[in-house]
C-alpha atoms as a PDB file:
ATOM      1  CA  MET A   1       0.799 -18.446  10.793  1.00  0.00           C
ATOM      2  CA  ASP A   2       2.732 -20.465  13.343  1.00  0.00           C
ATOM      3  CA  SER A   3       1.556 -23.904  14.316  1.00  0.00           C
ATOM      4  CA  SER A   4       2.443 -26.437  16.956  1.00  0.00           C
ATOM      5  CA  PRO A   5       5.261 -28.957  16.477  1.00  0.00           C
ATOM      6  CA  ARG A   6       2.900 -31.426  18.146  1.00  0.00           C
ATOM      7  CA  GLU A   7       0.321 -30.802  15.389  1.00  0.00           C
ATOM      8  CA  PHE A   8       2.966 -31.461  12.747  1.00  0.00           C
ATOM      9  CA  ALA A   9       4.055 -34.636  14.542  1.00  0.00           C
ATOM     10  CA  HIS A  10       0.417 -35.757  14.758  1.00  0.00           C
ATOM     11  CA  TYR A  11      -0.126 -35.466  10.994  1.00  0.00           C
ATOM     12  CA  LEU A  12       3.249 -37.044  10.262  1.00  0.00           C
ATOM     13  CA  GLN A  13       2.417 -39.967  12.541  1.00  0.00           C
ATOM     14  CA  ALA A  14      -0.978 -40.396  10.844  1.00  0.00           C
ATOM     15  CA  SER A  15       0.672 -40.409   7.414  1.00  0.00           C
ATOM     16  CA  MET A  16       3.337 -42.914   8.489  1.00  0.00           C
ATOM     17  CA  THR A  17       0.680 -45.146  10.075  1.00  0.00           C
ATOM     18  CA  GLU A  18      -1.263 -45.200   6.795  1.00  0.00           C
ATOM     19  CA  GLN A  19       1.906 -46.454   5.128  1.00  0.00           C
ATOM     20  CA  GLY A  20       2.359 -49.158   7.764  1.00  0.00           C
ATOM     21  CA  ALA A  21       5.446 -47.605   9.355  1.00  0.00           C
ATOM     22  CA  PRO A  22       4.341 -45.621  12.456  1.00  0.00           C
ATOM     23  CA  LEU A  23       6.961 -43.658  14.376  1.00  0.00           C
ATOM     24  CA  SER A  24       8.010 -44.985  17.769  1.00  0.00           C
ATOM     25  CA  ASP A  25       7.594 -42.970  20.963  1.00  0.00           C
ATOM     26  CA  ALA A  26      11.337 -42.279  20.971  1.00  0.00           C
ATOM     27  CA  GLN A  27      11.199 -41.019  17.382  1.00  0.00           C
ATOM     28  CA  MET A  28       8.239 -38.785  18.201  1.00  0.00           C
ATOM     29  CA  ALA A  29      10.083 -37.332  21.187  1.00  0.00           C
ATOM     30  CA  ALA A  30      13.184 -36.712  19.083  1.00  0.00           C
ATOM     31  CA  LEU A  31      11.001 -34.985  16.487  1.00  0.00           C
ATOM     32  CA  ASP A  32       9.545 -32.647  19.121  1.00  0.00           C
ATOM     33  CA  ILE A  33      13.064 -31.665  20.216  1.00  0.00           C
ATOM     34  CA  ALA A  34      14.344 -31.191  16.657  1.00  0.00           C
ATOM     35  CA  LEU A  35      11.409 -29.004  15.589  1.00  0.00           C
ATOM     36  CA  ASP A  36      11.794 -26.705  18.603  1.00  0.00           C
ATOM     37  CA  GLY A  37       8.636 -24.782  17.692  1.00  0.00           C
ATOM     38  CA  LYS A  38       9.740 -24.058  14.108  1.00  0.00           C
ATOM     39  CA  VAL A  39       6.537 -25.069  12.353  1.00  0.00           C
ATOM     40  CA  THR A  40       4.540 -22.781  10.055  1.00  0.00           C
ATOM     41  CA  ARG A  41       0.976 -23.397   8.901  1.00  0.00           C
ATOM     42  CA  LYS A  42      -0.172 -22.157   5.488  1.00  0.00           C
ATOM     43  CA  ARG A  43      -3.581 -22.467   3.811  1.00  0.00           C
ATOM     44  CA  VAL A  44      -3.395 -23.589   0.191  1.00  0.00           C
ATOM     45  CA  ALA A  45      -6.334 -22.849  -2.123  1.00  0.00           C
ATOM     46  CA  PRO A  46      -7.624 -25.502  -4.560  1.00  0.00           C
ATOM     47  CA  HIS A  47      -6.555 -25.182  -8.183  1.00  0.00           C
ATOM     48  CA  VAL A  48      -8.714 -22.701 -10.133  1.00  0.00           C
ATOM     49  CA  LEU A  49      -9.963 -25.516 -12.373  1.00  0.00           C
ATOM     50  CA  GLN A  50     -11.127 -27.656  -9.443  1.00  0.00           C
ATOM     51  CA  ASP A  51     -14.716 -27.736  -8.235  1.00  0.00           C
ATOM     52  CA  ASP A  52     -15.762 -25.199  -5.577  1.00  0.00           C
ATOM     53  CA  SER A  53     -16.512 -28.046  -3.186  1.00  0.00           C
ATOM     54  CA  VAL A  54     -12.836 -29.068  -3.018  1.00  0.00           C
ATOM     55  CA  PRO A  55     -11.580 -28.007   0.441  1.00  0.00           C
ATOM     56  CA  TRP A  56      -8.539 -25.873   1.112  1.00  0.00           C
ATOM     57  CA  LYS A  57      -5.395 -27.724   2.205  1.00  0.00           C
ATOM     58  CA  ILE A  58      -3.317 -26.981   5.279  1.00  0.00           C
ATOM     59  CA  LYS A  59       0.413 -27.073   4.549  1.00  0.00           C
ATOM     60  CA  LEU A  60       2.618 -27.563   7.606  1.00  0.00           C
ATOM     61  CA  ILE A  61       6.198 -26.469   6.983  1.00  0.00           C
ATOM     62  CA  ALA A  62       8.682 -27.738   9.572  1.00  0.00           C
ATOM     63  CA  THR A  63      12.192 -26.421  10.116  1.00  0.00           C
ATOM     64  CA  LEU A  64      14.483 -28.847  11.918  1.00  0.00           C
ATOM     65  CA  VAL A  65      16.840 -27.112  14.322  1.00  0.00           C
ATOM     66  CA  ARG A  66      20.132 -28.679  15.369  1.00  0.00           C
ATOM     67  CA  ASP A  67      23.734 -27.699  15.991  1.00  0.00           C
ATOM     68  CA  GLU A  68      26.158 -27.625  13.091  1.00  0.00           C
ATOM     69  CA  THR A  69      28.591 -30.537  13.212  1.00  0.00           C
ATOM     70  CA  ALA A  70      32.351 -30.065  13.022  1.00  0.00           C
ATOM     71  CA  GLU A  71      32.369 -31.905   9.702  1.00  0.00           C
ATOM     72  CA  GLU A  72      29.724 -29.556   8.244  1.00  0.00           C
ATOM     73  CA  ALA A  73      31.600 -26.480   9.449  1.00  0.00           C
ATOM     74  CA  ALA A  74      34.815 -27.785   7.900  1.00  0.00           C
ATOM     75  CA  GLU A  75      33.079 -28.509   4.595  1.00  0.00           C
ATOM     76  CA  ILE A  76      31.557 -25.013   4.467  1.00  0.00           C
ATOM     77  CA  THR A  77      34.986 -23.504   5.106  1.00  0.00           C
ATOM     78  CA  ARG A  78      36.567 -25.716   2.439  1.00  0.00           C
ATOM     79  CA  ARG A  79      33.992 -24.662  -0.165  1.00  0.00           C
ATOM     80  CA  ALA A  80      34.420 -20.984   0.690  1.00  0.00           C
ATOM     81  CA  GLU A  81      38.197 -21.272   0.356  1.00  0.00           C
ATOM     82  CA  LYS A  82      37.765 -23.083  -2.978  1.00  0.00           C
ATOM     83  CA  ARG A  83      35.485 -20.340  -4.339  1.00  0.00           C
ATOM     84  CA  LEU A  84      37.993 -17.704  -3.232  1.00  0.00           C
ATOM     85  CA  GLU A  85      40.854 -19.619  -4.879  1.00  0.00           C
ATOM     86  CA  ILE A  86      38.923 -19.705  -8.159  1.00  0.00           C
ATOM     87  CA  MET A  87      38.015 -16.004  -7.945  1.00  0.00           C
ATOM     88  CA  LEU A  88      41.618 -14.949  -7.281  1.00  0.00           C
ATOM     89  CA  TRP A  89      43.260 -17.235  -9.835  1.00  0.00           C
ATOM     90  CA  LYS A  90      45.403 -15.581 -12.498  1.00  0.00           C
ATOM     91  CA  ALA A  91      47.043 -17.366 -15.418  1.00  0.00           C
ATOM     92  CA  LYS A  92      50.501 -16.159 -14.347  1.00  0.00           C
ATOM     93  CA  ASP A  93      50.071 -17.929 -11.006  1.00  0.00           C
ATOM     94  CA  GLY A  94      50.122 -21.393 -12.579  1.00  0.00           C
ATOM     95  CA  PRO A  95      47.556 -23.988 -13.706  1.00  0.00           C
ATOM     96  CA  PRO A  96      43.897 -23.169 -13.028  1.00  0.00           C
ATOM     97  CA  PRO A  97      42.538 -24.802  -9.870  1.00  0.00           C
ATOM     98  CA  GLU A  98      39.846 -27.448 -10.100  1.00  0.00           C
ATOM     99  CA  GLY A  99      36.454 -25.853 -10.583  1.00  0.00           C
ATOM    100  CA  VAL A 100      37.509 -22.947 -12.782  1.00  0.00           C
ATOM    101  CA  GLY A 101      34.762 -22.363 -15.350  1.00  0.00           C
ATOM    102  CA  PHE A 102      34.798 -21.257 -18.952  1.00  0.00           C
ATOM    103  CA  ASP A 103      34.210 -17.588 -18.093  1.00  0.00           C
ATOM    104  CA  GLU A 104      37.529 -17.562 -16.222  1.00  0.00           C
ATOM    105  CA  LEU A 105      39.352 -19.456 -18.971  1.00  0.00           C
ATOM    106  CA  ALA A 106      37.942 -17.211 -21.695  1.00  0.00           C
ATOM    107  CA  THR A 107      39.641 -14.115 -20.265  1.00  0.00           C
ATOM    108  CA  GLN A 108      43.185 -15.536 -20.380  1.00  0.00           C
ATOM    109  CA  GLY A 109      45.381 -16.973 -23.109  1.00  0.00           C
ATOM    110  CA  THR A 110      47.792 -19.303 -21.337  1.00  0.00           C
ATOM    111  CA  TRP A 111      45.868 -22.386 -20.210  1.00  0.00           C
ATOM    112  CA  TRP A 112      43.279 -24.851 -21.447  1.00  0.00           C
ATOM    113  CA  VAL A 113      41.587 -27.556 -19.353  1.00  0.00           C
ATOM    114  CA  PRO A 114      40.837 -30.730 -21.353  1.00  0.00           C
ATOM    115  CA  LYS A 115      37.858 -32.754 -20.146  1.00  0.00           C
ATOM    116  CA  GLY A 116      38.998 -35.330 -17.621  1.00  0.00           C
ATOM    117  CA  SER A 117      42.662 -34.305 -17.900  1.00  0.00           C
ATOM    118  CA  PRO A 118      45.026 -31.894 -16.123  1.00  0.00           C
ATOM    119  CA  PRO A 119      45.373 -28.305 -17.404  1.00  0.00           C
ATOM    120  CA  VAL A 120      47.758 -27.817 -20.308  1.00  0.00           C
ATOM    121  CA  LYS A 121      49.521 -24.730 -21.609  1.00  0.00           C
ATOM    122  CA  ILE A 122      48.250 -23.584 -25.005  1.00  0.00           C
ATOM    123  CA  ALA A 123      51.869 -23.235 -26.174  1.00  0.00           C
ATOM    124  CA  ASP A 124      52.501 -26.917 -25.330  1.00  0.00           C
ATOM    125  CA  MET A 125      49.477 -28.329 -27.191  1.00  0.00           C
ATOM    126  CA  ASN A 126      50.089 -30.128 -30.475  1.00  0.00           C
ATOM    127  CA  ILE A 127      48.516 -28.746 -33.643  1.00  0.00           C
ATOM    128  CA  GLU A 128      45.742 -31.348 -33.819  1.00  0.00           C
ATOM    129  CA  HIS A 129      44.722 -30.822 -30.200  1.00  0.00           C
ATOM    130  CA  ARG A 130      44.708 -27.052 -30.551  1.00  0.00           C
ATOM    131  CA  ARG A 131      42.593 -27.160 -33.709  1.00  0.00           C
ATOM    132  CA  ASN A 132      40.158 -29.581 -32.092  1.00  0.00           C
ATOM    133  CA  VAL A 133      39.705 -27.103 -29.238  1.00  0.00           C
ATOM    134  CA  ILE A 134      39.131 -24.238 -31.692  1.00  0.00           C
ATOM    135  CA  ALA A 135      36.520 -26.296 -33.521  1.00  0.00           C
ATOM    136  CA  TYR A 136      34.912 -27.311 -30.224  1.00  0.00           C
ATOM    137  CA  LEU A 137      34.607 -23.702 -29.057  1.00  0.00           C
ATOM    138  CA  GLN A 138      33.069 -22.655 -32.359  1.00  0.00           C
ATOM    139  CA  ARG A 139      30.641 -25.579 -32.302  1.00  0.00           C
ATOM    140  CA  TYR A 140      29.449 -24.781 -28.767  1.00  0.00           C
ATOM    141  CA  ALA A 141      29.701 -20.988 -29.060  1.00  0.00           C
ATOM    142  CA  GLU A 142      25.950 -20.509 -28.721  1.00  0.00           C
ATOM    143  CA  LYS A 143      25.696 -22.489 -25.467  1.00  0.00           C
ATOM    144  CA  LEU A 144      28.836 -20.917 -24.022  1.00  0.00           C
ATOM    145  CA  LYS A 145      27.637 -17.401 -24.866  1.00  0.00           C
ATOM    146  CA  PHE A 146      24.199 -18.064 -23.390  1.00  0.00           C
ATOM    147  CA  ALA A 147      25.749 -19.186 -20.092  1.00  0.00           C
ATOM    148  CA  HIS A 148      28.135 -16.207 -20.090  1.00  0.00           C
ATOM    149  CA  ASP A 149      25.369 -13.680 -20.835  1.00  0.00           C
ATOM    150  CA  PHE A 150      23.034 -15.242 -18.262  1.00  0.00           C
ATOM    151  CA  ASN A 151      25.663 -15.063 -15.508  1.00  0.00           C
ATOM    152  CA  LEU A 152      26.623 -11.510 -16.416  1.00  0.00           C
ATOM    153  CA  VAL A 153      23.084 -10.118 -16.590  1.00  0.00           C
ATOM    154  CA  HIS A 154      22.100 -11.806 -13.317  1.00  0.00           C
ATOM    155  CA  SER A 155      25.091 -10.190 -11.628  1.00  0.00           C
ATOM    156  CA  PHE A 156      23.668  -6.723 -12.357  1.00  0.00           C
ATOM    157  CA  PRO A 157      22.224  -4.869  -9.325  1.00  0.00           C
ATOM    158  CA  SER A 158      18.431  -5.063  -9.130  1.00  0.00           C
ATOM    159  CA  ASP A 159      17.827  -1.324  -8.662  1.00  0.00           C
ATOM    160  CA  PRO A 160      20.847   0.664  -9.932  1.00  0.00           C
ATOM    161  CA  PRO A 161      21.028   4.483 -10.130  1.00  0.00           C
ATOM    162  CA  ASP A 162      19.982   6.038 -13.451  1.00  0.00           C
ATOM    163  CA  GLY A 163      23.519   6.475 -14.794  1.00  0.00           C
ATOM    164  CA  VAL A 164      24.500   2.927 -13.897  1.00  0.00           C
ATOM    165  CA  ALA A 165      21.217   1.588 -15.304  1.00  0.00           C
ATOM    166  CA  ASP A 166      21.930   3.257 -18.662  1.00  0.00           C
ATOM    167  CA  ALA A 167      25.387   1.681 -18.774  1.00  0.00           C
ATOM    168  CA  LEU A 168      23.981  -1.740 -17.925  1.00  0.00           C
ATOM    169  CA  ASP A 169      21.307  -1.365 -20.604  1.00  0.00           C
ATOM    170  CA  GLY A 170      24.083  -0.641 -23.096  1.00  0.00           C
ATOM    171  CA  ILE A 171      25.986  -3.756 -22.043  1.00  0.00           C
ATOM    172  CA  GLN A 172      22.867  -5.896 -22.378  1.00  0.00           C
ATOM    173  CA  ALA A 173      22.083  -4.436 -25.812  1.00  0.00           C
ATOM    174  CA  GLU A 174      25.618  -5.258 -26.958  1.00  0.00           C
ATOM    175  CA  LEU A 175      25.241  -8.824 -25.687  1.00  0.00           C
ATOM    176  CA  GLU A 176      22.020  -9.230 -27.664  1.00  0.00           C
ATOM    177  CA  THR A 177      23.497  -7.920 -30.930  1.00  0.00           C
ATOM    178  CA  THR A 178      26.767  -9.890 -30.789  1.00  0.00           C
ATOM    179  CA  THR A 179      26.564 -13.268 -32.517  1.00  0.00           C
ATOM    180  CA  PRO A 180      27.881 -16.337 -30.662  1.00  0.00           C
ATOM    181  CA  ILE A 181      30.670 -16.913 -33.196  1.00  0.00           C
ATOM    182  CA  ASP A 182      31.788 -13.262 -33.041  1.00  0.00           C
ATOM    183  CA  TRP A 183      31.754 -13.433 -29.260  1.00  0.00           C
ATOM    184  CA  ILE A 184      33.766 -16.644 -29.014  1.00  0.00           C
ATOM    185  CA  ASN A 185      36.293 -15.348 -31.549  1.00  0.00           C
ATOM    186  CA  SER A 186      36.728 -12.168 -29.493  1.00  0.00           C
ATOM    187  CA  THR A 187      37.728 -13.998 -26.309  1.00  0.00           C
ATOM    188  CA  THR A 188      41.336 -13.866 -25.177  1.00  0.00           C
ATOM    189  CA  LEU A 189      41.371 -17.664 -25.097  1.00  0.00           C
ATOM    190  CA  MET A 190      40.362 -18.064 -28.749  1.00  0.00           C
ATOM    191  CA  LYS A 191      42.798 -15.379 -29.891  1.00  0.00           C
ATOM    192  CA  ALA A 192      45.625 -17.180 -28.077  1.00  0.00           C
ATOM    193  CA  LEU A 193      44.654 -20.533 -29.618  1.00  0.00           C
ATOM    194  CA  ARG A 194      44.575 -19.044 -33.120  1.00  0.00           C
ATOM    195  CA  LYS A 195      47.862 -17.216 -32.611  1.00  0.00           C
ATOM    196  CA  ALA A 196      49.573 -20.400 -31.418  1.00  0.00           C
ATOM    197  CA  ASP A 197      48.064 -22.301 -34.353  1.00  0.00           C
ATOM    198  CA  ARG A 198      49.384 -19.760 -36.885  1.00  0.00           C
ATOM    199  CA  LYS A 199      52.826 -19.891 -35.281  1.00  0.00           C
ATOM    200  CA  ALA A 200      52.922 -23.708 -35.338  1.00  0.00           C
ATOM    201  CA  SER A 201      51.717 -23.811 -38.967  1.00  0.00           C
ATOM    202  CA  LYS A 202      54.402 -21.323 -39.996  1.00  0.00           C
ATOM    203  CA  GLU A 203      57.103 -23.364 -38.254  1.00  0.00           C
ATOM    204  CA  ALA A 204      55.819 -26.553 -39.907  1.00  0.00           C
ATOM    205  CA  ARG A 205      55.996 -24.934 -43.375  1.00  0.00           C
ATOM    206  CA  LYS A 206      59.543 -23.768 -42.701  1.00  0.00           C
ATOM    207  CA  ALA A 207      60.534 -27.267 -41.644  1.00  0.00           C
ATOM    208  CA  LEU A 208      59.110 -28.747 -44.870  1.00  0.00           C
ATOM    209  CA  ALA A 209      60.922 -26.168 -46.987  1.00  0.00           C
ATOM    210  CA  ARG A 210      64.334 -27.160 -45.650  1.00  0.00           C
END
């Protein structure tokens, strides 16, 4: 149910007055202009455990209306371009852009992004660093898998056709039966880390044998 911006302003003024900070006439006028009639009234019932004598509340929901600033428009465009850059990024194109998440890293075997440091090629990592990353991924496999599964399941369409629904049910069943450690070990990223580790270990043994 729609309500009057003036009614909203009246209750806001009363509330501010109770707190010792009433709005000025200029502020009230500005509020009327900003609201531009976008005020909705909603009745809110008392909690079920409250006494029957407790009155209903009236919730006034105001929507401020104003023009988008040039700075806001530029920021929205920047964020959209950043999301697109992340979505289109491929390992062959170079280092991952800032903001690339683990799901993107897990599907490639060229780059790793250390916390607080620039991206590094897996082939260029020293043995200790690479093994620390392997141990880290195994240690946090459960959390990483939960986030991956959550994002994947919530990307499913809400009302798919029967054939698609069956396929999605199969995917979800596979997610539920795969252990976190098996999942993390199956990622392209982990396979690349292990392969590089085996290669470096083999080269180190050869060097010691000389």
